[in-house]
Amino acid sequence: MALPRKLKNLNLFNDGNSYTGVAKSCTLPPIARKMEPYRGGGMNGPVKSDLGLSDDGIQFVWKTGGLDLISLRQFGAVNASAVLLRFSGPFQQDDTGDISVVEIVVRGRHENIEMGEATPGEDTEHSITTTCSYYKLTVDNEVIIEIDLLNFIENVNGVDMLERQRTAMGL
């Protein structure tokens, strides 16, 4: 029986700035599809049609300790891919000791910055929600998923999911 890979540590980079000792946690972006049920004559139940990515978009939520001037200065960025964030974390399997390096790169802009509660002598944190136009998940140097919303790119496990649609549209 094998043990699962568990996150042992993490680092976050914001436009190349290391958040070692500053990043407290990251909620890795959920990726979801928009599905619509269809049931026609002769079908005993619905089959969901895949209509692309979810309308909820791709969001990366992360927390920092203390005052984070870098993200505050980025707030209100006009470009939909203005901010580059990179999560890096070792996931270790305790029965073998093997480590998988997981990296998530996103580009987007901050939708929400919660400054948190300010109490003298207590810890403070910022909670930042970054809405993303680009997402790439890499495990052990292998790109698993890459989504570039602005350039109509969606690659999953090496398969270009939108190639035929781009061709049909003359792109």
N, C-alpha and C. Protein backbone atom coordinates (compact mmCIF):
# COMPACT_ATOMS: atom_id res chain seq x y z
N MET A 1 0.84 -1.17 0.00
CA MET A 1 0.00 0.00 0.00
C MET A 1 0.89 1.24 0.00
N ALA A 2 0.51 2.24 -0.76
CA ALA A 2 1.31 3.46 -0.87
C ALA A 2 0.67 4.60 -0.08
N LEU A 3 1.51 5.50 0.37
CA LEU A 3 1.02 6.70 1.04
C LEU A 3 0.90 7.83 0.02
N PRO A 4 -0.01 8.77 0.24
CA PRO A 4 -0.20 9.86 -0.72
C PRO A 4 0.94 10.88 -0.64
N ARG A 5 1.10 11.61 -1.71
CA ARG A 5 2.06 12.72 -1.72
C ARG A 5 1.44 13.86 -0.93
N LYS A 6 2.19 14.41 0.01
CA LYS A 6 1.72 15.49 0.87
C LYS A 6 2.60 16.72 0.70
N LEU A 7 1.97 17.88 0.66
CA LEU A 7 2.72 19.13 0.57
C LEU A 7 3.54 19.32 1.84
N LYS A 8 4.85 19.47 1.70
CA LYS A 8 5.72 19.61 2.86
C LYS A 8 6.13 21.06 3.12
N ASN A 9 6.08 21.89 2.09
CA ASN A 9 6.43 23.30 2.24
C ASN A 9 5.99 24.02 0.98
N LEU A 10 6.16 25.33 0.94
CA LEU A 10 5.77 26.07 -0.26
C LEU A 10 6.52 27.38 -0.33
N ASN A 11 6.57 27.91 -1.51
CA ASN A 11 7.02 29.28 -1.71
C ASN A 11 6.15 29.90 -2.79
N LEU A 12 6.04 31.20 -2.74
CA LEU A 12 5.28 31.96 -3.71
C LEU A 12 6.16 33.08 -4.21
N PHE A 13 6.08 33.32 -5.51
CA PHE A 13 6.82 34.42 -6.12
C PHE A 13 5.81 35.35 -6.78
N ASN A 14 5.96 36.63 -6.54
CA ASN A 14 5.08 37.64 -7.12
C ASN A 14 5.94 38.53 -8.01
N ASP A 15 5.76 38.41 -9.32
CA ASP A 15 6.58 39.14 -10.29
C ASP A 15 8.07 38.99 -9.98
N GLY A 16 8.48 37.78 -9.65
CA GLY A 16 9.88 37.47 -9.39
C GLY A 16 10.33 37.72 -7.97
N ASN A 17 9.50 38.34 -7.14
CA ASN A 17 9.84 38.59 -5.74
C ASN A 17 9.48 37.36 -4.91
N SER A 18 10.47 36.81 -4.21
CA SER A 18 10.23 35.64 -3.38
C SER A 18 9.48 36.02 -2.11
N TYR A 19 8.46 35.24 -1.78
CA TYR A 19 7.68 35.45 -0.56
C TYR A 19 8.07 34.43 0.50
N THR A 20 9.32 33.97 0.48
CA THR A 20 9.80 33.07 1.53
C THR A 20 9.65 33.77 2.87
N GLY A 21 8.99 33.12 3.80
CA GLY A 21 8.76 33.69 5.12
C GLY A 21 7.59 34.65 5.17
N VAL A 22 7.03 35.00 4.03
CA VAL A 22 5.91 35.95 3.97
C VAL A 22 4.61 35.24 3.58
N ALA A 23 4.69 34.34 2.58
CA ALA A 23 3.50 33.59 2.15
C ALA A 23 3.07 32.65 3.26
N LYS A 24 1.80 32.76 3.65
CA LYS A 24 1.28 31.89 4.72
C LYS A 24 0.55 30.69 4.15
N SER A 25 -0.23 30.91 3.11
CA SER A 25 -0.99 29.81 2.51
C SER A 25 -1.43 30.20 1.11
N CYS A 26 -1.73 29.18 0.32
CA CYS A 26 -2.22 29.38 -1.04
C CYS A 26 -3.38 28.42 -1.26
N THR A 27 -4.48 28.93 -1.78
CA THR A 27 -5.56 28.07 -2.23
C THR A 27 -5.39 27.92 -3.73
N LEU A 28 -4.92 26.77 -4.12
CA LEU A 28 -4.59 26.55 -5.53
C LEU A 28 -5.86 26.66 -6.37
N PRO A 29 -5.74 27.23 -7.57
CA PRO A 29 -6.92 27.50 -8.38
C PRO A 29 -7.70 26.24 -8.74
N PRO A 30 -8.99 26.23 -8.42
CA PRO A 30 -9.81 25.14 -8.93
C PRO A 30 -10.03 25.35 -10.42
N ILE A 31 -10.01 24.29 -11.17
CA ILE A 31 -10.32 24.39 -12.59
C ILE A 31 -11.60 23.61 -12.82
N ALA A 32 -12.52 24.23 -13.51
CA ALA A 32 -13.84 23.63 -13.68
C ALA A 32 -14.33 23.87 -15.10
N ARG A 33 -15.23 23.01 -15.53
CA ARG A 33 -15.82 23.10 -16.86
C ARG A 33 -17.28 23.50 -16.74
N LYS A 34 -17.76 24.19 -17.74
CA LYS A 34 -19.18 24.51 -17.83
C LYS A 34 -19.84 23.38 -18.60
N MET A 35 -20.79 22.72 -17.96
CA MET A 35 -21.47 21.58 -18.57
C MET A 35 -22.97 21.87 -18.61
N GLU A 36 -23.58 21.50 -19.72
CA GLU A 36 -25.02 21.71 -19.87
C GLU A 36 -25.67 20.38 -20.22
N PRO A 37 -26.68 19.99 -19.45
CA PRO A 37 -27.31 18.69 -19.73
C PRO A 37 -28.17 18.74 -21.00
N TYR A 38 -28.13 17.64 -21.74
CA TYR A 38 -28.98 17.48 -22.93
C TYR A 38 -29.61 16.10 -22.88
N ARG A 39 -30.93 16.09 -23.08
CA ARG A 39 -31.64 14.82 -23.13
C ARG A 39 -32.62 14.87 -24.29
N GLY A 40 -32.37 14.06 -25.27
CA GLY A 40 -33.23 14.00 -26.45
C GLY A 40 -34.03 12.72 -26.47
N GLY A 41 -34.86 12.61 -27.49
CA GLY A 41 -35.67 11.40 -27.65
C GLY A 41 -34.78 10.17 -27.75
N GLY A 42 -35.22 9.09 -27.15
CA GLY A 42 -34.47 7.84 -27.20
C GLY A 42 -33.33 7.78 -26.21
N MET A 43 -33.20 8.82 -25.37
CA MET A 43 -32.15 8.82 -24.34
C MET A 43 -32.82 8.58 -23.00
N ASN A 44 -32.26 7.69 -22.19
CA ASN A 44 -32.84 7.36 -20.90
C ASN A 44 -32.35 8.28 -19.79
N GLY A 45 -31.59 9.26 -20.15
CA GLY A 45 -31.07 10.21 -19.18
C GLY A 45 -30.25 11.27 -19.89
N PRO A 46 -29.91 12.34 -19.19
CA PRO A 46 -29.16 13.42 -19.83
C PRO A 46 -27.67 13.09 -19.96
N VAL A 47 -27.08 13.67 -20.97
CA VAL A 47 -25.63 13.66 -21.16
C VAL A 47 -25.21 15.12 -21.17
N LYS A 48 -24.20 15.44 -20.41
CA LYS A 48 -23.78 16.83 -20.31
C LYS A 48 -22.82 17.18 -21.45
N SER A 49 -23.12 18.29 -22.12
CA SER A 49 -22.25 18.81 -23.17
C SER A 49 -21.21 19.73 -22.53
N ASP A 50 -19.98 19.62 -23.00
CA ASP A 50 -18.88 20.44 -22.50
C ASP A 50 -18.87 21.75 -23.28
N LEU A 51 -19.08 22.86 -22.57
CA LEU A 51 -19.12 24.18 -23.20
C LEU A 51 -17.88 25.01 -22.88
N GLY A 52 -16.80 24.35 -22.50
CA GLY A 52 -15.56 25.06 -22.20
C GLY A 52 -15.39 25.25 -20.70
N LEU A 53 -14.57 26.20 -20.34
CA LEU A 53 -14.28 26.42 -18.92
C LEU A 53 -15.44 27.11 -18.22
N SER A 54 -15.53 26.91 -16.93
CA SER A 54 -16.60 27.45 -16.09
C SER A 54 -16.65 28.97 -16.15
N ASP A 55 -17.83 29.51 -16.00
CA ASP A 55 -18.01 30.96 -15.96
C ASP A 55 -17.39 31.58 -14.71
N ASP A 56 -17.05 30.76 -13.72
CA ASP A 56 -16.43 31.28 -12.50
C ASP A 56 -14.99 31.71 -12.74
N GLY A 57 -14.41 31.30 -13.86
CA GLY A 57 -13.03 31.67 -14.17
C GLY A 57 -12.03 30.92 -13.31
N ILE A 58 -10.80 31.38 -13.34
CA ILE A 58 -9.71 30.77 -12.60
C ILE A 58 -9.25 31.78 -11.56
N GLN A 59 -9.30 31.38 -10.29
CA GLN A 59 -8.90 32.27 -9.22
C GLN A 59 -7.87 31.63 -8.31
N PHE A 60 -6.88 32.42 -7.95
CA PHE A 60 -5.81 32.00 -7.04
C PHE A 60 -5.95 32.85 -5.78
N VAL A 61 -6.15 32.21 -4.64
CA VAL A 61 -6.30 32.92 -3.37
C VAL A 61 -5.08 32.63 -2.51
N TRP A 62 -4.47 33.67 -2.00
CA TRP A 62 -3.26 33.49 -1.22
C TRP A 62 -3.20 34.48 -0.07
N LYS A 63 -2.47 34.08 0.97
CA LYS A 63 -2.37 34.91 2.17
C LYS A 63 -0.92 35.19 2.50
N THR A 64 -0.69 36.42 2.95
CA THR A 64 0.64 36.82 3.37
C THR A 64 0.57 37.32 4.80
N GLY A 65 1.69 37.20 5.48
CA GLY A 65 1.80 37.77 6.82
C GLY A 65 2.24 39.22 6.71
N GLY A 66 1.71 40.06 7.58
CA GLY A 66 2.14 41.45 7.62
C GLY A 66 1.62 42.28 6.47
N LEU A 67 2.30 43.38 6.22
CA LEU A 67 1.92 44.35 5.20
C LEU A 67 2.59 44.00 3.88
N ASP A 68 1.80 43.76 2.84
CA ASP A 68 2.34 43.38 1.52
C ASP A 68 2.19 44.54 0.54
N LEU A 69 3.20 45.37 0.47
CA LEU A 69 3.16 46.54 -0.41
C LEU A 69 3.22 46.17 -1.89
N ILE A 70 3.84 45.04 -2.21
CA ILE A 70 3.94 44.65 -3.63
C ILE A 70 2.55 44.44 -4.22
N SER A 71 1.73 43.64 -3.56
CA SER A 71 0.39 43.38 -4.10
C SER A 71 -0.49 44.63 -4.04
N LEU A 72 -0.33 45.44 -3.01
CA LEU A 72 -1.12 46.68 -2.92
C LEU A 72 -0.80 47.61 -4.09
N ARG A 73 0.45 47.67 -4.46
CA ARG A 73 0.85 48.53 -5.60
C ARG A 73 0.36 47.97 -6.93
N GLN A 74 0.07 46.67 -6.97
CA GLN A 74 -0.42 46.05 -8.20
C GLN A 74 -1.94 46.17 -8.35
N PHE A 75 -2.63 46.56 -7.29
CA PHE A 75 -4.09 46.62 -7.32
C PHE A 75 -4.54 47.66 -8.37
N GLY A 76 -5.54 47.30 -9.13
CA GLY A 76 -6.05 48.20 -10.16
C GLY A 76 -5.31 48.08 -11.48
N ALA A 77 -4.49 47.05 -11.63
CA ALA A 77 -3.77 46.85 -12.89
C ALA A 77 -4.79 46.76 -14.04
N VAL A 78 -4.49 47.40 -15.13
CA VAL A 78 -5.41 47.45 -16.27
C VAL A 78 -5.30 46.19 -17.12
N ASN A 79 -4.10 45.69 -17.32
CA ASN A 79 -3.85 44.52 -18.15
C ASN A 79 -4.36 43.25 -17.45
N ALA A 80 -5.12 42.42 -18.17
CA ALA A 80 -5.71 41.20 -17.61
C ALA A 80 -4.68 40.16 -17.22
N SER A 81 -3.43 40.33 -17.65
CA SER A 81 -2.37 39.39 -17.26
C SER A 81 -1.18 40.15 -16.68
N ALA A 82 -1.47 41.22 -15.95
CA ALA A 82 -0.43 42.13 -15.45
C ALA A 82 0.45 41.52 -14.37
N VAL A 83 -0.10 40.64 -13.54
CA VAL A 83 0.63 40.12 -12.39
C VAL A 83 0.99 38.66 -12.63
N LEU A 84 2.25 38.33 -12.44
CA LEU A 84 2.74 36.95 -12.58
C LEU A 84 3.00 36.37 -11.19
N LEU A 85 2.30 35.28 -10.87
CA LEU A 85 2.50 34.58 -9.61
C LEU A 85 2.98 33.16 -9.90
N ARG A 86 3.90 32.69 -9.08
CA ARG A 86 4.39 31.31 -9.23
C ARG A 86 4.41 30.64 -7.86
N PHE A 87 3.63 29.57 -7.74
CA PHE A 87 3.62 28.72 -6.55
C PHE A 87 4.56 27.56 -6.82
N SER A 88 5.37 27.22 -5.82
CA SER A 88 6.25 26.07 -5.93
C SER A 88 6.21 25.30 -4.61
N GLY A 89 5.98 23.98 -4.72
CA GLY A 89 5.90 23.20 -3.50
C GLY A 89 6.35 21.76 -3.69
N PRO A 90 7.09 21.24 -2.71
CA PRO A 90 7.47 19.82 -2.74
C PRO A 90 6.38 18.96 -2.12
N PHE A 91 5.89 17.98 -2.86
CA PHE A 91 4.93 17.01 -2.35
C PHE A 91 5.70 15.71 -2.14
N GLN A 92 5.78 15.25 -0.89
CA GLN A 92 6.59 14.07 -0.57
C GLN A 92 5.70 12.89 -0.21
N GLN A 93 6.14 11.73 -0.69
CA GLN A 93 5.47 10.47 -0.39
C GLN A 93 6.26 9.82 0.75
N ASP A 94 5.64 9.69 1.93
CA ASP A 94 6.38 9.27 3.12
C ASP A 94 6.80 7.80 3.13
N ASP A 95 6.18 6.96 2.31
CA ASP A 95 6.62 5.56 2.31
C ASP A 95 7.87 5.36 1.46
N THR A 96 8.08 6.23 0.46
CA THR A 96 9.27 6.09 -0.40
C THR A 96 10.26 7.23 -0.23
N GLY A 97 9.78 8.35 0.29
CA GLY A 97 10.63 9.54 0.40
C GLY A 97 10.70 10.34 -0.89
N ASP A 98 10.08 9.83 -1.97
CA ASP A 98 10.11 10.54 -3.25
C ASP A 98 9.41 11.88 -3.13
N ILE A 99 9.97 12.87 -3.81
CA ILE A 99 9.40 14.22 -3.83
C ILE A 99 9.01 14.57 -5.25
N SER A 100 7.79 15.06 -5.40
CA SER A 100 7.32 15.62 -6.67
C SER A 100 7.31 17.13 -6.52
N VAL A 101 7.91 17.81 -7.48
CA VAL A 101 7.93 19.26 -7.48
C VAL A 101 6.72 19.75 -8.26
N VAL A 102 5.85 20.47 -7.57
CA VAL A 102 4.64 21.00 -8.18
C VAL A 102 4.80 22.50 -8.33
N GLU A 103 4.55 22.98 -9.53
CA GLU A 103 4.64 24.41 -9.81
C GLU A 103 3.37 24.85 -10.52
N ILE A 104 2.80 25.93 -10.02
CA ILE A 104 1.64 26.54 -10.68
C ILE A 104 2.01 27.98 -10.99
N VAL A 105 1.89 28.34 -12.25
CA VAL A 105 2.14 29.70 -12.71
C VAL A 105 0.82 30.27 -13.18
N VAL A 106 0.49 31.46 -12.69
CA VAL A 106 -0.71 32.15 -13.13
C VAL A 106 -0.35 33.59 -13.49
N ARG A 107 -1.15 34.14 -14.40
CA ARG A 107 -1.06 35.57 -14.71
C ARG A 107 -2.47 36.12 -14.60
N GLY A 108 -2.58 37.30 -14.06
CA GLY A 108 -3.89 37.91 -13.90
C GLY A 108 -3.77 39.26 -13.23
N ARG A 109 -4.81 39.58 -12.45
CA ARG A 109 -4.80 40.81 -11.67
C ARG A 109 -5.61 40.59 -10.40
N HIS A 110 -5.29 41.39 -9.40
CA HIS A 110 -5.92 41.19 -8.09
C HIS A 110 -7.35 41.74 -8.11
N GLU A 111 -8.27 40.85 -7.80
CA GLU A 111 -9.68 41.23 -7.74
C GLU A 111 -10.04 41.75 -6.36
N ASN A 112 -9.40 41.20 -5.33
CA ASN A 112 -9.77 41.53 -3.97
C ASN A 112 -8.53 41.43 -3.08
N ILE A 113 -8.33 42.44 -2.24
CA ILE A 113 -7.28 42.40 -1.22
C ILE A 113 -7.93 42.71 0.11
N GLU A 114 -7.98 41.70 0.97
CA GLU A 114 -8.53 41.89 2.31
C GLU A 114 -7.37 42.17 3.25
N MET A 115 -7.41 43.34 3.88
CA MET A 115 -6.31 43.76 4.75
C MET A 115 -6.33 43.06 6.10
N GLY A 116 -7.45 42.45 6.45
CA GLY A 116 -7.52 41.70 7.70
C GLY A 116 -7.73 42.59 8.91
N GLU A 117 -7.76 41.94 10.06
CA GLU A 117 -7.97 42.64 11.32
C GLU A 117 -6.65 43.21 11.82
N ALA A 118 -6.71 44.46 12.27
CA ALA A 118 -5.51 45.12 12.80
C ALA A 118 -5.66 45.24 14.31
N THR A 119 -4.86 44.46 15.03
CA THR A 119 -4.89 44.48 16.49
C THR A 119 -3.45 44.63 16.97
N PRO A 120 -3.18 45.62 17.82
CA PRO A 120 -1.81 45.80 18.31
C PRO A 120 -1.29 44.53 18.98
N GLY A 121 -0.07 44.16 18.64
CA GLY A 121 0.58 43.01 19.25
C GLY A 121 0.10 41.67 18.73
N GLU A 122 -0.76 41.66 17.70
CA GLU A 122 -1.27 40.42 17.12
C GLU A 122 -0.79 40.27 15.68
N ASP A 123 -0.81 39.06 15.19
CA ASP A 123 -0.42 38.78 13.81
C ASP A 123 -1.42 39.43 12.86
N THR A 124 -0.92 39.88 11.75
CA THR A 124 -1.78 40.44 10.70
C THR A 124 -1.53 39.67 9.42
N GLU A 125 -2.52 39.68 8.55
CA GLU A 125 -2.34 39.02 7.27
C GLU A 125 -3.21 39.69 6.22
N HIS A 126 -2.77 39.58 4.99
CA HIS A 126 -3.56 40.00 3.84
C HIS A 126 -4.05 38.74 3.15
N SER A 127 -5.27 38.78 2.64
CA SER A 127 -5.80 37.71 1.82
C SER A 127 -6.08 38.31 0.45
N ILE A 128 -5.43 37.77 -0.56
CA ILE A 128 -5.51 38.32 -1.91
C ILE A 128 -6.16 37.31 -2.84
N THR A 129 -7.13 37.76 -3.62
CA THR A 129 -7.75 36.93 -4.64
C THR A 129 -7.31 37.48 -5.99
N THR A 130 -6.61 36.66 -6.75
CA THR A 130 -6.13 37.05 -8.07
C THR A 130 -6.94 36.30 -9.11
N THR A 131 -7.63 37.04 -9.97
CA THR A 131 -8.38 36.41 -11.06
C THR A 131 -7.42 36.25 -12.24
N CYS A 132 -7.42 35.07 -12.83
CA CYS A 132 -6.34 34.69 -13.75
C CYS A 132 -6.81 34.56 -15.19
N SER A 133 -5.96 35.02 -16.09
CA SER A 133 -6.18 34.82 -17.52
C SER A 133 -5.28 33.71 -18.06
N TYR A 134 -4.32 33.27 -17.23
CA TYR A 134 -3.37 32.23 -17.63
C TYR A 134 -3.13 31.31 -16.44
N TYR A 135 -3.00 30.00 -16.72
CA TYR A 135 -2.76 29.00 -15.69
C TYR A 135 -1.91 27.88 -16.28
N LYS A 136 -0.87 27.50 -15.55
CA LYS A 136 -0.06 26.35 -15.97
C LYS A 136 0.33 25.54 -14.75
N LEU A 137 0.01 24.24 -14.81
CA LEU A 137 0.36 23.28 -13.76
C LEU A 137 1.45 22.37 -14.30
N THR A 138 2.58 22.35 -13.60
CA THR A 138 3.71 21.51 -13.98
C THR A 138 4.07 20.62 -12.79
N VAL A 139 4.24 19.32 -13.04
CA VAL A 139 4.66 18.38 -12.00
C VAL A 139 5.91 17.68 -12.49
N ASP A 140 6.98 17.79 -11.72
CA ASP A 140 8.27 17.18 -12.07
C ASP A 140 8.68 17.53 -13.50
N ASN A 141 8.61 18.80 -13.83
CA ASN A 141 9.00 19.37 -15.13
C ASN A 141 8.11 18.92 -16.30
N GLU A 142 6.99 18.29 -16.03
CA GLU A 142 6.05 17.90 -17.08
C GLU A 142 4.81 18.79 -16.98
N VAL A 143 4.51 19.49 -18.08
CA VAL A 143 3.32 20.35 -18.10
C VAL A 143 2.09 19.45 -18.17
N ILE A 144 1.25 19.56 -17.15
CA ILE A 144 0.03 18.75 -17.08
C ILE A 144 -1.14 19.50 -17.70
N ILE A 145 -1.31 20.76 -17.31
CA ILE A 145 -2.40 21.59 -17.83
C ILE A 145 -1.86 22.99 -18.10
N GLU A 146 -2.21 23.55 -19.25
CA GLU A 146 -1.89 24.94 -19.56
C GLU A 146 -3.11 25.57 -20.22
N ILE A 147 -3.58 26.67 -19.62
CA ILE A 147 -4.74 27.38 -20.12
C ILE A 147 -4.36 28.84 -20.29
N ASP A 148 -4.54 29.34 -21.50
CA ASP A 148 -4.31 30.75 -21.79
C ASP A 148 -5.60 31.29 -22.39
N LEU A 149 -6.42 31.92 -21.55
CA LEU A 149 -7.74 32.36 -21.97
C LEU A 149 -7.69 33.42 -23.07
N LEU A 150 -6.72 34.32 -22.99
CA LEU A 150 -6.65 35.41 -23.96
C LEU A 150 -6.18 34.94 -25.34
N ASN A 151 -5.49 33.82 -25.39
CA ASN A 151 -4.96 33.31 -26.66
C ASN A 151 -5.63 32.02 -27.14
N PHE A 152 -6.75 31.65 -26.49
CA PHE A 152 -7.55 30.49 -26.89
C PHE A 152 -6.72 29.21 -26.91
N ILE A 153 -5.99 29.00 -25.80
CA ILE A 153 -5.13 27.83 -25.67
C ILE A 153 -5.57 27.03 -24.46
N GLU A 154 -5.73 25.73 -24.66
CA GLU A 154 -6.02 24.80 -23.56
C GLU A 154 -5.35 23.47 -23.88
N ASN A 155 -4.26 23.20 -23.18
CA ASN A 155 -3.52 21.95 -23.35
C ASN A 155 -3.67 21.12 -22.08
N VAL A 156 -4.07 19.86 -22.24
CA VAL A 156 -4.22 18.95 -21.11
C VAL A 156 -3.45 17.68 -21.43
N ASN A 157 -2.45 17.39 -20.61
CA ASN A 157 -1.64 16.18 -20.77
C ASN A 157 -1.06 16.06 -22.18
N GLY A 158 -0.61 17.20 -22.72
CA GLY A 158 0.02 17.22 -24.03
C GLY A 158 -0.94 17.27 -25.21
N VAL A 159 -2.24 17.33 -24.94
CA VAL A 159 -3.23 17.37 -26.02
C VAL A 159 -3.77 18.79 -26.15
N ASP A 160 -3.70 19.34 -27.35
CA ASP A 160 -4.24 20.67 -27.64
C ASP A 160 -5.75 20.54 -27.82
N MET A 161 -6.49 20.88 -26.78
CA MET A 161 -7.94 20.68 -26.76
C MET A 161 -8.69 21.62 -27.72
N LEU A 162 -8.07 22.72 -28.11
CA LEU A 162 -8.77 23.71 -28.94
C LEU A 162 -8.24 23.81 -30.36
N GLU A 163 -7.31 22.92 -30.72
CA GLU A 163 -6.68 23.00 -32.04
C GLU A 163 -7.72 22.97 -33.16
N ARG A 164 -8.65 22.04 -33.11
CA ARG A 164 -9.63 21.91 -34.19
C ARG A 164 -10.59 23.11 -34.23
N GLN A 165 -10.91 23.65 -33.07
CA GLN A 165 -11.76 24.85 -33.05
C GLN A 165 -11.04 26.05 -33.65
N ARG A 166 -9.74 26.21 -33.31
CA ARG A 166 -8.96 27.32 -33.88
C ARG A 166 -8.89 27.18 -35.40
N THR A 167 -8.66 25.96 -35.87
CA THR A 167 -8.60 25.73 -37.31
C THR A 167 -9.93 26.06 -37.97
N ALA A 168 -11.02 25.65 -37.34
CA ALA A 168 -12.36 25.90 -37.91
C ALA A 168 -12.67 27.41 -37.95
N MET A 169 -12.08 28.17 -37.03
CA MET A 169 -12.31 29.62 -37.00
C MET A 169 -11.29 30.39 -37.83
N GLY A 170 -10.34 29.67 -38.43
CA GLY A 170 -9.33 30.32 -39.25
C GLY A 170 -8.24 31.00 -38.44
N LEU A 171 -8.01 30.52 -37.25
CA LEU A 171 -6.96 31.11 -36.40
C LEU A 171 -5.67 30.33 -36.52
